[in-house]
Amino acid sequence: MSENTDTPPDRLSVDPASPYYDAEVLARNVGVRFKGEDKTNVDEYCVSEGWIRVTVGNSRDRKGNPLTMKLTGPVEPYFREG
């Protein structure tokens, strides 16, 4: 990891094709609080722009990727303990 910090990055994605994907950060078990509620289905987030992308059911697009929906609001990423 390029920086040794206890603060997750401003933007992070779980999609390996994304430029915001970081396997080392994801391995540290990143959690996301959105509007004060823990979310477990977040595919991507951006703190500075105030949005998350969440998976919508089991639906897939024509390329086989899960369908996502963009939600706006306060985003608080954190590293889970354990």
N, C-alpha and C. Protein backbone atom coordinates (compact mmCIF):
# COMPACT_ATOMS: atom_id res chain seq x y z
N MET A 1 0.85 -1.17 0.00
CA MET A 1 0.00 0.00 0.00
C MET A 1 0.90 1.23 0.00
N SER A 2 0.54 2.21 -0.80
CA SER A 2 1.38 3.38 -0.96
C SER A 2 1.39 4.28 0.27
N GLU A 3 0.29 4.34 0.99
CA GLU A 3 0.25 5.16 2.19
C GLU A 3 -0.27 4.34 3.36
N ASN A 4 0.36 4.45 4.49
CA ASN A 4 -0.02 3.69 5.67
C ASN A 4 -0.88 4.59 6.56
N THR A 5 -2.20 4.45 6.44
CA THR A 5 -3.10 5.33 7.16
C THR A 5 -4.32 4.56 7.64
N ASP A 6 -5.02 5.12 8.59
CA ASP A 6 -6.25 4.49 9.08
C ASP A 6 -7.49 5.12 8.46
N THR A 7 -7.30 5.91 7.40
CA THR A 7 -8.41 6.53 6.70
C THR A 7 -8.53 5.93 5.31
N PRO A 8 -9.70 5.36 4.97
CA PRO A 8 -9.87 4.82 3.62
C PRO A 8 -9.78 5.93 2.57
N PRO A 9 -9.52 5.58 1.31
CA PRO A 9 -9.41 6.60 0.26
C PRO A 9 -10.73 7.33 0.01
N ASP A 10 -10.64 8.49 -0.63
CA ASP A 10 -11.82 9.30 -0.96
C ASP A 10 -12.77 8.54 -1.88
N ARG A 11 -12.22 7.76 -2.79
CA ARG A 11 -13.05 6.99 -3.73
C ARG A 11 -12.49 5.59 -3.86
N LEU A 12 -13.38 4.59 -3.87
CA LEU A 12 -12.96 3.20 -3.93
C LEU A 12 -14.03 2.38 -4.64
N SER A 13 -13.59 1.41 -5.44
CA SER A 13 -14.49 0.53 -6.17
C SER A 13 -14.09 -0.92 -5.94
N VAL A 14 -15.07 -1.84 -5.96
CA VAL A 14 -14.78 -3.28 -5.85
C VAL A 14 -14.59 -3.92 -7.22
N ASP A 15 -14.78 -3.15 -8.30
CA ASP A 15 -14.65 -3.66 -9.67
C ASP A 15 -13.19 -3.58 -10.12
N PRO A 16 -12.54 -4.73 -10.39
CA PRO A 16 -11.14 -4.72 -10.81
C PRO A 16 -10.88 -3.91 -12.09
N ALA A 17 -11.90 -3.69 -12.91
CA ALA A 17 -11.73 -2.91 -14.15
C ALA A 17 -11.73 -1.41 -13.89
N SER A 18 -12.12 -0.99 -12.69
CA SER A 18 -12.21 0.43 -12.36
C SER A 18 -10.84 1.00 -12.00
N PRO A 19 -10.59 2.27 -12.38
CA PRO A 19 -9.33 2.90 -11.96
C PRO A 19 -9.29 3.17 -10.45
N TYR A 20 -10.42 3.05 -9.76
CA TYR A 20 -10.50 3.29 -8.31
C TYR A 20 -10.44 2.00 -7.50
N TYR A 21 -10.13 0.89 -8.15
CA TYR A 21 -9.99 -0.41 -7.49
C TYR A 21 -8.63 -0.47 -6.80
N ASP A 22 -8.60 -0.94 -5.55
CA ASP A 22 -7.34 -1.11 -4.81
C ASP A 22 -7.47 -2.35 -3.93
N ALA A 23 -6.88 -3.46 -4.40
CA ALA A 23 -7.00 -4.74 -3.70
C ALA A 23 -6.45 -4.68 -2.28
N GLU A 24 -5.35 -3.95 -2.08
CA GLU A 24 -4.75 -3.87 -0.75
C GLU A 24 -5.67 -3.17 0.25
N VAL A 25 -6.32 -2.11 -0.19
CA VAL A 25 -7.26 -1.40 0.70
C VAL A 25 -8.48 -2.27 0.97
N LEU A 26 -9.01 -2.91 -0.06
CA LEU A 26 -10.18 -3.78 0.11
C LEU A 26 -9.88 -4.96 1.05
N ALA A 27 -8.65 -5.44 1.03
CA ALA A 27 -8.25 -6.55 1.91
C ALA A 27 -8.31 -6.14 3.38
N ARG A 28 -8.29 -4.84 3.65
CA ARG A 28 -8.35 -4.35 5.03
C ARG A 28 -9.78 -4.27 5.55
N ASN A 29 -10.76 -4.75 4.76
CA ASN A 29 -12.16 -4.84 5.18
C ASN A 29 -12.78 -3.46 5.40
N VAL A 30 -13.02 -2.75 4.31
CA VAL A 30 -13.60 -1.41 4.35
C VAL A 30 -15.11 -1.51 4.55
N GLY A 31 -15.62 -0.76 5.50
CA GLY A 31 -17.06 -0.64 5.71
C GLY A 31 -17.51 0.74 5.26
N VAL A 32 -18.80 0.87 4.93
CA VAL A 32 -19.33 2.15 4.48
C VAL A 32 -20.61 2.46 5.24
N ARG A 33 -20.62 3.65 5.86
CA ARG A 33 -21.83 4.17 6.48
C ARG A 33 -22.40 5.21 5.52
N PHE A 34 -23.66 5.06 5.15
CA PHE A 34 -24.32 5.98 4.24
C PHE A 34 -25.56 6.52 4.94
N LYS A 35 -25.60 7.83 5.13
CA LYS A 35 -26.69 8.48 5.88
C LYS A 35 -26.84 7.86 7.27
N GLY A 36 -25.69 7.51 7.88
CA GLY A 36 -25.68 6.98 9.23
C GLY A 36 -25.98 5.50 9.35
N GLU A 37 -26.20 4.80 8.24
CA GLU A 37 -26.56 3.38 8.26
C GLU A 37 -25.47 2.56 7.57
N ASP A 38 -25.04 1.45 8.19
CA ASP A 38 -24.04 0.58 7.57
C ASP A 38 -24.64 -0.09 6.34
N LYS A 39 -23.88 -0.07 5.25
CA LYS A 39 -24.31 -0.70 4.00
C LYS A 39 -23.35 -1.84 3.67
N THR A 40 -23.90 -2.97 3.20
CA THR A 40 -23.06 -4.11 2.86
C THR A 40 -23.06 -4.40 1.36
N ASN A 41 -23.84 -3.66 0.58
CA ASN A 41 -23.93 -3.92 -0.86
C ASN A 41 -23.36 -2.77 -1.70
N VAL A 42 -22.36 -2.08 -1.17
CA VAL A 42 -21.76 -0.94 -1.88
C VAL A 42 -20.71 -1.45 -2.87
N ASP A 43 -20.86 -1.07 -4.15
CA ASP A 43 -19.88 -1.43 -5.18
C ASP A 43 -18.82 -0.35 -5.33
N GLU A 44 -19.20 0.90 -5.11
CA GLU A 44 -18.26 2.02 -5.26
C GLU A 44 -18.77 3.18 -4.42
N TYR A 45 -17.84 4.00 -3.94
CA TYR A 45 -18.25 5.19 -3.19
C TYR A 45 -17.31 6.34 -3.52
N CYS A 46 -17.79 7.56 -3.26
CA CYS A 46 -16.96 8.75 -3.38
C CYS A 46 -17.38 9.71 -2.26
N VAL A 47 -16.48 9.96 -1.32
CA VAL A 47 -16.77 10.82 -0.18
C VAL A 47 -16.92 12.27 -0.61
N SER A 48 -15.96 12.78 -1.41
CA SER A 48 -15.96 14.20 -1.78
C SER A 48 -17.18 14.59 -2.62
N GLU A 49 -17.67 13.66 -3.45
CA GLU A 49 -18.84 13.95 -4.26
C GLU A 49 -20.14 13.53 -3.58
N GLY A 50 -20.05 12.77 -2.47
CA GLY A 50 -21.22 12.39 -1.68
C GLY A 50 -22.16 11.41 -2.35
N TRP A 51 -21.63 10.26 -2.82
CA TRP A 51 -22.49 9.25 -3.42
C TRP A 51 -21.92 7.85 -3.22
N ILE A 52 -22.82 6.87 -3.33
CA ILE A 52 -22.44 5.45 -3.35
C ILE A 52 -23.16 4.79 -4.52
N ARG A 53 -22.60 3.69 -5.00
CA ARG A 53 -23.27 2.83 -5.98
C ARG A 53 -23.55 1.51 -5.30
N VAL A 54 -24.82 1.10 -5.29
CA VAL A 54 -25.21 -0.15 -4.65
C VAL A 54 -25.76 -1.13 -5.68
N THR A 55 -25.56 -2.41 -5.43
CA THR A 55 -26.08 -3.47 -6.28
C THR A 55 -27.60 -3.54 -6.14
N VAL A 56 -28.28 -3.70 -7.27
CA VAL A 56 -29.74 -3.79 -7.28
C VAL A 56 -30.14 -5.23 -7.57
N GLY A 57 -30.51 -5.96 -6.53
CA GLY A 57 -30.95 -7.35 -6.71
C GLY A 57 -29.92 -8.22 -7.38
N ASN A 58 -30.40 -9.21 -8.15
CA ASN A 58 -29.51 -10.12 -8.86
C ASN A 58 -29.47 -9.83 -10.35
N SER A 59 -30.02 -8.69 -10.77
CA SER A 59 -30.07 -8.34 -12.18
C SER A 59 -28.68 -8.06 -12.72
N ARG A 60 -28.49 -8.36 -14.00
CA ARG A 60 -27.21 -8.14 -14.68
C ARG A 60 -27.44 -7.32 -15.95
N ASP A 61 -26.42 -6.55 -16.34
CA ASP A 61 -26.50 -5.84 -17.62
C ASP A 61 -26.09 -6.79 -18.73
N ARG A 62 -26.07 -6.32 -19.96
CA ARG A 62 -25.78 -7.21 -21.10
C ARG A 62 -24.35 -7.71 -21.12
N LYS A 63 -23.47 -7.10 -20.34
CA LYS A 63 -22.08 -7.56 -20.25
C LYS A 63 -21.88 -8.50 -19.06
N GLY A 64 -22.94 -8.77 -18.31
CA GLY A 64 -22.85 -9.68 -17.18
C GLY A 64 -22.49 -9.03 -15.86
N ASN A 65 -22.39 -7.69 -15.84
CA ASN A 65 -22.08 -6.97 -14.61
C ASN A 65 -23.36 -6.73 -13.82
N PRO A 66 -23.26 -6.70 -12.49
CA PRO A 66 -24.46 -6.42 -11.69
C PRO A 66 -24.97 -5.01 -11.95
N LEU A 67 -26.29 -4.86 -11.96
CA LEU A 67 -26.89 -3.53 -12.11
C LEU A 67 -26.71 -2.77 -10.81
N THR A 68 -26.38 -1.49 -10.93
CA THR A 68 -26.18 -0.67 -9.75
C THR A 68 -27.03 0.59 -9.82
N MET A 69 -27.24 1.19 -8.65
CA MET A 69 -27.99 2.43 -8.55
C MET A 69 -27.13 3.41 -7.76
N LYS A 70 -27.10 4.66 -8.21
CA LYS A 70 -26.32 5.70 -7.54
C LYS A 70 -27.21 6.43 -6.54
N LEU A 71 -26.78 6.48 -5.29
CA LEU A 71 -27.50 7.18 -4.22
C LEU A 71 -26.63 8.32 -3.72
N THR A 72 -27.22 9.48 -3.45
CA THR A 72 -26.45 10.61 -2.95
C THR A 72 -26.76 10.88 -1.48
N GLY A 73 -25.73 11.31 -0.77
CA GLY A 73 -25.86 11.62 0.65
C GLY A 73 -24.50 11.53 1.31
N PRO A 74 -24.45 11.74 2.63
CA PRO A 74 -23.17 11.68 3.34
C PRO A 74 -22.60 10.26 3.38
N VAL A 75 -21.33 10.13 3.01
CA VAL A 75 -20.64 8.83 2.95
C VAL A 75 -19.51 8.82 3.96
N GLU A 76 -19.45 7.77 4.80
CA GLU A 76 -18.40 7.65 5.80
C GLU A 76 -17.75 6.27 5.70
N PRO A 77 -16.64 6.13 4.95
CA PRO A 77 -15.93 4.85 4.91
C PRO A 77 -15.08 4.68 6.17
N TYR A 78 -14.87 3.42 6.56
CA TYR A 78 -14.05 3.12 7.73
C TYR A 78 -13.50 1.72 7.58
N PHE A 79 -12.43 1.42 8.36
CA PHE A 79 -11.89 0.08 8.37
C PHE A 79 -12.53 -0.68 9.52
N ARG A 80 -13.13 -1.85 9.19
CA ARG A 80 -13.75 -2.68 10.23
C ARG A 80 -12.65 -3.33 11.07
N GLU A 81 -12.94 -3.51 12.35
CA GLU A 81 -11.98 -4.16 13.25
C GLU A 81 -12.06 -5.66 13.06
N GLY A 82 -10.92 -6.33 13.25
CA GLY A 82 -10.92 -7.78 13.25
C GLY A 82 -10.56 -8.30 11.94
